[in-house]
Each structure stands twice: as structure tokens, then as C-alpha cells.
N, C-alpha and C. Protein backbone atom coordinates (compact mmCIF):
# COMPACT_ATOMS: atom_id res chain seq x y z
N MET A 1 312.47 39.95 15.23
CA MET A 1 312.47 40.82 14.82
C MET A 1 311.36 41.85 14.96
N ASN A 2 311.74 43.15 15.39
CA ASN A 2 310.59 43.49 16.61
C ASN A 2 309.37 44.45 15.11
N LYS A 3 308.10 43.97 14.97
CA LYS A 3 307.27 44.38 14.24
C LYS A 3 306.73 46.07 14.24
N ASP A 4 307.13 46.70 15.46
CA ASP A 4 307.28 47.94 14.92
C ASP A 4 307.90 48.70 14.33
N ARG A 5 309.15 47.96 13.88
CA ARG A 5 310.30 48.73 13.78
C ARG A 5 310.30 47.61 11.70
N THR A 6 309.52 47.41 11.57
CA THR A 6 309.69 46.47 10.01
C THR A 6 308.71 47.65 9.42
N HIS A 7 309.36 47.64 7.89
CA HIS A 7 308.38 48.58 7.23
C HIS A 7 308.88 48.19 6.08
N THR A 8 307.37 48.48 4.72
CA THR A 8 307.79 48.24 3.57
C THR A 8 309.42 49.12 3.06
N LEU A 9 309.45 49.11 1.78
CA LEU A 9 310.15 50.25 1.13
C LEU A 9 309.33 51.62 1.14
N SER A 10 308.27 51.59 0.88
CA SER A 10 307.55 52.96 0.61
C SER A 10 307.26 53.47 2.32
N GLY A 11 307.62 53.04 3.71
CA GLY A 11 307.51 53.73 4.54
C GLY A 11 306.11 52.69 5.64
N ARG A 12 305.61 52.07 4.58
CA ARG A 12 304.46 51.47 5.12
C ARG A 12 304.68 50.50 6.06
N SER A 13 304.18 50.43 7.47
CA SER A 13 303.94 49.28 8.36
C SER A 13 303.51 48.08 8.12
N LEU A 14 303.69 47.18 8.86
CA LEU A 14 302.98 45.49 8.51
C LEU A 14 301.64 45.58 8.48
N ASP A 15 300.86 46.41 9.53
CA ASP A 15 300.09 46.69 9.84
C ASP A 15 299.28 46.96 9.25
N GLU A 16 299.56 47.85 8.38
CA GLU A 16 298.83 48.82 6.91
C GLU A 16 299.10 47.70 5.58
N LEU A 17 299.39 46.43 5.32
CA LEU A 17 299.78 45.83 4.88
C LEU A 17 298.36 44.89 4.94
N ASN A 18 296.90 44.76 4.78
CA ASN A 18 296.14 43.65 4.76
C ASN A 18 295.21 43.40 3.87
N ILE A 19 293.69 42.89 3.74
CA ILE A 19 292.74 42.30 2.97
C ILE A 19 292.13 44.00 2.31
N GLU A 20 292.09 44.82 3.59
CA GLU A 20 291.52 45.68 3.59
C GLU A 20 291.73 46.75 2.47
N ALA A 21 292.93 47.22 2.55
CA ALA A 21 293.66 47.75 1.98
C ALA A 21 293.63 47.21 0.34
N VAL A 22 293.98 45.86 0.69
CA VAL A 22 294.11 45.67 -0.86
C VAL A 22 292.51 45.68 -1.71
N ALA A 23 292.02 45.34 -1.05
CA ALA A 23 290.31 45.82 -1.50
C ALA A 23 290.16 46.91 -1.85
N ALA A 24 291.01 47.66 -1.47
CA ALA A 24 290.22 49.49 -1.51
C ALA A 24 291.70 49.56 -2.53
N HIS A 25 292.05 48.76 -2.91
CA HIS A 25 293.39 49.52 -4.16
C HIS A 25 294.26 51.02 -4.21
N THR A 26 294.59 50.57 -1.92
CA THR A 26 295.22 51.78 -1.86
C THR A 26 297.17 51.29 -1.94
N LEU A 27 297.42 50.45 -2.20
CA LEU A 27 298.20 49.61 -2.23
C LEU A 27 299.06 49.90 -3.57
N SER A 28 300.64 50.58 -3.65
CA SER A 28 301.20 50.67 -4.74
C SER A 28 302.42 49.23 -4.11
N PRO A 29 303.19 48.95 -5.94
CA PRO A 29 303.83 48.15 -6.21
C PRO A 29 305.21 48.24 -4.68
N GLU A 30 305.57 49.78 -4.32
CA GLU A 30 306.55 49.93 -3.31
C GLU A 30 305.64 49.28 -2.14
N ASP A 31 304.61 49.05 -1.70
CA ASP A 31 304.04 48.83 -0.21
C ASP A 31 304.84 47.65 -0.03
N VAL A 32 304.48 46.63 -0.91
CA VAL A 32 305.05 45.84 -0.67
C VAL A 32 305.96 45.02 -1.23
N ARG A 33 307.07 45.96 -1.00
CA ARG A 33 308.40 45.41 -1.49
C ARG A 33 308.96 45.74 -0.22
N ILE A 34 310.44 44.44 0.27
CA ILE A 34 310.90 44.24 1.39
C ILE A 34 311.72 45.91 1.45
N HIS A 35 311.83 46.13 2.98
CA HIS A 35 313.12 47.12 3.03
C HIS A 35 314.44 46.31 3.44
N GLY A 36 315.38 47.50 2.86
CA GLY A 36 317.15 46.87 3.01
C GLY A 36 317.38 46.54 4.66
N GLU A 37 316.59 47.44 5.42
CA GLU A 37 316.62 47.11 6.97
C GLU A 37 316.14 46.04 7.47
N THR A 38 315.06 45.74 7.06
CA THR A 38 314.07 44.60 7.53
C THR A 38 315.20 43.34 7.21
N LEU A 39 315.71 43.39 5.68
CA LEU A 39 316.57 41.99 5.42
C LEU A 39 317.50 42.10 6.06
N ARG A 40 318.59 42.88 6.28
CA ARG A 40 319.63 43.75 7.32
C ARG A 40 319.31 42.41 8.75
N ARG A 41 318.26 43.07 9.52
CA ARG A 41 317.49 42.07 10.48
C ARG A 41 317.36 41.06 10.54
N GLN A 42 317.07 40.44 9.41
CA GLN A 42 317.00 38.52 9.34
C GLN A 42 318.17 38.42 9.21
N ALA A 43 318.95 38.86 8.46
CA ALA A 43 320.22 38.24 8.53
C ALA A 43 320.80 38.21 9.34
N GLU A 44 320.74 39.03 10.33
CA GLU A 44 321.47 39.15 11.33
C GLU A 44 320.71 37.90 12.79
N ALA A 45 319.42 38.03 12.25
CA ALA A 45 318.27 36.62 12.77
C ALA A 45 319.38 35.64 12.65
N ALA A 46 319.50 34.97 11.00
CA ALA A 46 319.72 33.91 10.74
C ALA A 46 321.57 33.73 10.96
N ALA A 47 322.23 34.40 11.44
CA ALA A 47 323.24 34.23 11.58
C ALA A 47 323.55 33.93 12.82
N ALA A 48 322.97 34.79 14.12
CA ALA A 48 322.71 34.07 15.14
C ALA A 48 322.30 33.07 15.57
N ALA A 49 321.07 32.39 14.84
CA ALA A 49 320.71 30.88 14.98
C ALA A 49 321.45 30.19 14.62
N GLY A 50 322.20 30.15 14.03
CA GLY A 50 323.87 29.49 12.93
C GLY A 50 323.72 28.99 11.39
N TYR A 51 322.75 30.16 10.82
CA TYR A 51 322.94 29.73 9.80
C TYR A 51 323.69 31.16 8.77
N PRO A 52 324.94 30.65 8.59
CA PRO A 52 325.69 31.47 8.00
C PRO A 52 325.43 31.59 6.41
N GLN A 53 324.46 31.00 5.97
CA GLN A 53 324.54 30.95 4.33
C GLN A 53 323.53 31.99 4.29
N LEU A 54 322.29 31.43 4.42
CA LEU A 54 321.54 32.39 4.51
C LEU A 54 321.35 33.61 5.04
N ALA A 55 322.47 33.98 6.05
CA ALA A 55 322.77 35.19 6.77
C ALA A 55 323.27 36.11 5.25
N GLU A 56 324.00 35.39 4.68
CA GLU A 56 325.02 36.06 3.96
C GLU A 56 324.06 36.49 2.12
N ASN A 57 323.12 35.60 2.35
CA ASN A 57 322.24 35.59 1.43
C ASN A 57 321.15 37.14 1.20
N LEU A 58 320.63 36.74 2.46
CA LEU A 58 319.96 38.31 3.28
C LEU A 58 320.41 39.35 3.13
N GLN A 59 322.27 39.88 3.11
CA GLN A 59 322.27 40.74 3.14
C GLN A 59 322.73 41.07 1.88
N ARG A 60 323.23 40.13 0.97
CA ARG A 60 323.25 40.37 -0.92
C ARG A 60 321.78 40.78 -0.77
N ALA A 61 320.90 40.08 -0.47
CA ALA A 61 319.41 40.75 -1.08
C ALA A 61 319.00 41.95 -0.50
N ALA A 62 319.63 42.76 1.04
CA ALA A 62 319.15 44.11 1.24
C ALA A 62 319.88 44.89 0.30
N GLU A 63 321.62 44.43 0.43
CA GLU A 63 322.36 45.09 -1.08
C GLU A 63 321.22 45.53 -2.07
N LEU A 64 320.76 44.79 -2.05
CA LEU A 64 319.92 44.80 -3.62
C LEU A 64 318.38 45.67 -4.19
N THR A 65 317.87 45.76 -2.74
CA THR A 65 316.72 46.44 -2.63
C THR A 65 316.20 48.26 -3.48
N GLN A 66 317.79 48.40 -3.33
CA GLN A 66 317.66 50.20 -3.97
C GLN A 66 317.56 49.83 -5.97
N VAL A 67 317.90 48.69 -5.83
CA VAL A 67 318.37 48.41 -7.45
C VAL A 67 317.13 48.04 -8.42
N SER A 68 316.52 48.72 -9.36
CA SER A 68 315.47 48.95 -9.87
C SER A 68 315.23 47.40 -10.65
N ASN A 69 313.98 46.42 -10.84
CA ASN A 69 313.84 45.59 -11.39
C ASN A 69 314.50 44.88 -12.49
N GLN A 70 314.10 46.24 -13.46
CA GLN A 70 314.59 46.13 -14.96
C GLN A 70 316.00 45.69 -14.22
N GLU A 71 317.00 46.42 -13.70
CA GLU A 71 318.30 46.07 -13.63
C GLU A 71 318.64 45.03 -13.18
N LEU A 72 318.04 44.67 -12.08
CA LEU A 72 318.30 43.01 -11.31
C LEU A 72 317.99 41.79 -12.69
N LEU A 73 317.27 41.93 -13.32
CA LEU A 73 316.92 41.03 -14.44
C LEU A 73 318.21 41.31 -15.12
N SER A 74 318.22 42.45 -15.73
CA SER A 74 320.38 42.32 -16.66
C SER A 74 321.04 41.59 -15.35
N MET A 75 321.44 41.71 -14.35
CA MET A 75 322.65 41.56 -13.96
C MET A 75 322.32 39.93 -13.92
N TYR A 76 320.72 39.35 -13.16
CA TYR A 76 320.99 37.62 -13.55
C TYR A 76 320.80 37.10 -14.85
N GLU A 77 320.13 37.66 -15.66
CA GLU A 77 320.72 37.26 -17.15
C GLU A 77 322.32 37.32 -17.55
N ALA A 78 322.99 38.22 -16.95
CA ALA A 78 324.98 38.37 -17.07
C ALA A 78 325.02 37.16 -16.65
N LEU A 79 324.75 36.44 -15.13
CA LEU A 79 325.42 36.12 -14.44
C LEU A 79 324.68 34.21 -15.08
N ARG A 80 323.99 34.20 -16.09
CA ARG A 80 323.47 32.91 -16.59
C ARG A 80 324.94 33.05 -17.09
N PRO A 81 325.04 31.30 -16.88
CA PRO A 81 326.25 30.60 -17.66
C PRO A 81 326.36 31.04 -19.06
N GLY A 82 327.31 31.76 -19.56
CA GLY A 82 327.94 32.13 -20.87
C GLY A 82 326.76 33.19 -21.79
N ARG A 83 326.44 33.67 -20.97
CA ARG A 83 325.55 35.18 -21.45
C ARG A 83 326.93 36.12 -21.52
N THR A 84 328.12 36.13 -20.66
CA THR A 84 328.97 37.47 -21.05
C THR A 84 329.95 36.93 -20.66
N SER A 85 331.25 37.80 -20.82
CA SER A 85 332.64 37.04 -21.33
C SER A 85 333.20 37.92 -19.19
N TYR A 86 334.35 37.17 -19.09
CA TYR A 86 334.76 37.07 -17.91
C TYR A 86 334.73 38.89 -17.35
N ARG A 87 335.47 39.39 -18.46
CA ARG A 87 335.42 41.03 -18.39
C ARG A 87 334.13 41.76 -17.96
N GLN A 88 333.36 40.95 -18.87
CA GLN A 88 331.89 41.78 -18.21
C GLN A 88 331.36 41.50 -17.29
N LEU A 89 331.96 40.18 -16.67
CA LEU A 89 331.24 39.99 -14.71
C LEU A 89 331.90 40.56 -13.74
N LEU A 90 332.99 41.04 -14.48
CA LEU A 90 334.21 42.06 -13.55
C LEU A 90 333.91 43.41 -13.91
N ASP A 91 333.49 43.99 -14.88
CA ASP A 91 332.97 45.12 -14.73
C ASP A 91 331.75 45.50 -13.58
N LEU A 92 330.74 44.26 -13.94
CA LEU A 92 329.54 44.13 -13.33
C LEU A 92 329.21 44.26 -11.95
N ALA A 93 330.68 43.53 -11.48
CA ALA A 93 331.08 43.64 -10.31
C ALA A 93 331.88 44.73 -9.81
N ASP A 94 332.28 45.75 -10.57
CA ASP A 94 332.83 46.90 -10.15
C ASP A 94 331.63 47.79 -10.11
N ARG A 95 330.46 47.78 -11.22
CA ARG A 95 329.08 48.62 -11.04
C ARG A 95 328.59 48.59 -9.62
N LEU A 96 328.20 47.58 -9.26
CA LEU A 96 327.58 46.70 -8.14
C LEU A 96 328.39 47.59 -6.37
N GLU A 97 329.69 48.11 -7.25
CA GLU A 97 330.12 48.16 -5.87
C GLU A 97 330.31 49.74 -6.28
N SER A 98 330.39 50.55 -7.03
CA SER A 98 330.46 51.82 -7.17
C SER A 98 329.10 52.66 -7.53
N GLN A 99 328.43 51.48 -7.70
CA GLN A 99 327.16 52.38 -8.49
C GLN A 99 326.23 51.91 -7.26
N PHE A 100 326.09 50.93 -6.76
CA PHE A 100 324.82 50.16 -5.49
C PHE A 100 325.39 50.28 -4.19
N ASN A 101 326.48 50.07 -3.86
CA ASN A 101 326.90 50.36 -2.82
C ASN A 101 326.91 48.87 -2.69
N ALA A 102 327.51 47.85 -3.15
CA ALA A 102 326.57 46.27 -3.05
C ALA A 102 328.14 45.57 -2.52
N PRO A 103 328.88 45.80 -1.90
CA PRO A 103 330.06 45.32 -1.74
C PRO A 103 329.82 43.37 -1.75
N LEU A 104 329.13 43.11 -0.73
CA LEU A 104 328.81 41.73 -0.90
C LEU A 104 328.37 40.54 -2.15
N THR A 105 327.58 41.95 -2.79
CA THR A 105 327.00 41.44 -4.02
C THR A 105 328.38 40.95 -5.06
N ALA A 106 329.01 42.06 -4.90
CA ALA A 106 329.90 42.42 -6.29
C ALA A 106 330.77 41.31 -5.92
N ALA A 107 331.31 40.62 -4.72
CA ALA A 107 332.30 40.12 -4.47
C ALA A 107 331.53 38.62 -4.43
N PHE A 108 330.22 37.89 -4.65
CA PHE A 108 329.99 37.00 -5.27
C PHE A 108 329.92 36.83 -6.86
N VAL A 109 329.66 37.66 -7.68
CA VAL A 109 329.82 38.06 -8.80
C VAL A 109 331.12 38.14 -9.44
N ARG A 110 332.11 38.14 -8.68
CA ARG A 110 333.49 37.63 -8.87
C ARG A 110 333.65 36.49 -8.61
N GLU A 111 333.42 36.40 -8.00
CA GLU A 111 333.27 34.53 -7.77
C GLU A 111 332.84 33.62 -8.43
N ALA A 112 331.44 34.08 -8.82
CA ALA A 112 331.18 34.05 -9.91
C ALA A 112 332.10 33.81 -11.62
N ALA A 113 332.11 34.49 -12.05
CA ALA A 113 333.71 34.50 -12.61
C ALA A 113 334.75 34.24 -13.05
N GLU A 114 335.14 33.88 -11.82
CA GLU A 114 335.95 33.01 -10.95
C GLU A 114 335.85 31.41 -11.81
N ALA A 115 334.83 31.28 -11.49
CA ALA A 115 334.36 29.73 -11.41
C ALA A 115 334.05 29.03 -12.78
N TYR A 116 333.36 30.75 -13.35
CA TYR A 116 333.04 30.48 -14.82
C TYR A 116 334.52 30.30 -15.73
N GLN A 117 335.05 30.90 -15.58
CA GLN A 117 336.80 30.86 -15.89
C GLN A 117 337.15 29.42 -16.21
N GLU A 118 337.46 29.02 -14.66
CA GLU A 118 337.92 28.21 -13.70
C GLU A 118 337.28 26.74 -15.09
N ARG A 119 336.21 27.15 -15.02
CA ARG A 119 335.18 25.77 -15.49
C ARG A 119 335.06 26.26 -17.53
N ASP A 120 335.64 27.13 -17.65
CA ASP A 120 335.95 27.14 -19.09
C ASP A 120 334.61 27.80 -19.44
N VAL A 121 333.41 27.91 -19.28
CA VAL A 121 332.48 28.35 -19.52
C VAL A 121 332.18 29.70 -20.29
N PHE A 122 333.08 30.14 -20.36
CA PHE A 122 333.13 31.47 -21.21
C PHE A 122 333.54 30.98 -22.66
N ALA A 123 334.56 30.52 -22.83
CA ALA A 123 335.02 30.02 -23.96
C ALA A 123 333.91 28.69 -24.49
N ALA A 124 333.49 27.74 -23.17
CA ALA A 124 332.23 26.70 -24.24
C ALA A 124 331.17 27.50 -24.60
N LYS A 125 330.59 28.35 -24.20
CA LYS A 125 329.41 28.86 -24.00
C LYS A 125 329.30 30.04 -25.26
N LEU A 126 330.32 31.50 -25.30
CA LEU A 126 330.90 32.60 -26.17
C LEU A 126 331.44 32.44 -27.32
N GLY A 127 332.28 30.93 -27.56
CA GLY A 127 333.11 30.53 -28.54
C GLY A 127 334.78 32.30 -28.23
N VAL A 128 334.75 32.26 -26.92
CA VAL A 128 335.93 33.00 -25.98
C VAL A 128 337.02 32.69 -25.78
N ARG A 129 338.55 33.25 -25.57
CA ARG A 129 339.64 32.46 -25.01
C ARG A 129 338.74 32.48 -23.61
N SER A 130 339.05 31.61 -22.12
CA SER A 130 338.48 31.90 -21.31
C SER A 130 339.38 33.24 -20.44
N GLY A 131 338.69 34.28 -19.84
CA GLY A 131 339.29 35.36 -19.07
C GLY A 131 339.68 36.41 -20.10
N THR A 132 339.24 36.25 -21.68
CA THR A 132 339.69 37.52 -21.80
C THR A 132 338.33 38.19 -22.60
N GLY A 133 337.58 37.63 -22.98
CA GLY A 133 336.47 38.10 -23.54
C GLY A 133 336.58 38.33 -24.68
N CYS A 134 337.68 37.94 -26.10
CA CYS A 134 337.96 38.12 -27.34
C CYS A 134 337.82 36.29 -27.52
N PRO A 135 336.89 36.80 -29.01
CA PRO A 135 337.21 35.87 -29.63
C PRO A 135 338.70 34.71 -30.17
N PRO A 136 337.93 33.27 -29.78
CA PRO A 136 339.64 32.51 -30.42
C PRO A 136 340.71 33.29 -31.86
N GLU A 137 341.54 33.52 -31.51
CA GLU A 137 342.86 33.46 -32.87
C GLU A 137 342.54 32.59 -33.42
């Protein structure tokens, strides 16, 4: 990865992230957040080195760099087994695609929804019929 092209979400170069900047209190939270392009280049390197699963994880992480921390925590909570319904997870996946342009992450959420449905996680944890998001009759 070319160090000259690597920069944080705020646009700072890696050379600007140093102990002097920390001591001078000139860094903001955005200065230490990774840029999506950096993660995409890391994903390319991982794929080239024969680590396809790591590459996929890095690609999804790149998609999520523009999502706020609060929104990410909400999504994480929704993905915890038993926290949402099948329909709510599918709605989250749709939102990831339409609002955040995150198709890989949306596919991951859909895969989780299917796995939860197959294992009856929704019914067991939420007291709902699997796949419907509705209370049992």
C-alpha cells in the first residue's frame, strides 16, 4: 500500500498523525478514522495474498466508513440474535443499500436473517413466528 496515498477520513496524511499532534491537541476524532479507500486497498492486498474472507470483511468495513457511530451501534444491536425480526433485518439490508450504498454489507445482513430464520432464532428469542415478525397465533 502506498503510504503517500493513505489518509484519514479528515484528509490528514499518516505523517500528520504523530505524538506531537496528540500532545498539541490538534487531532480530532475524524483525524484518526480510516478512509474507505484505504480499506479497499487493504482488501485488494488481502485478496492478492490469498485471504478472501479478510478481503470481504475489509470491503464491508469500507462501505461502512460513512455511517455514523450511533447508526453503526444500532445496526450491530439489530444483528444480535433475538433483537429484531426477520422483516426488520431485511428492512435494514434495504436501507444499507439505498441510503448508505453498502451492497456487500446488505447481502451480509440478508444472509444473517436467513441463518437466524433457519435456526428459529426469531421465534425462540422474540416469541414470533419465524419469517413473519408477527406474534404467534
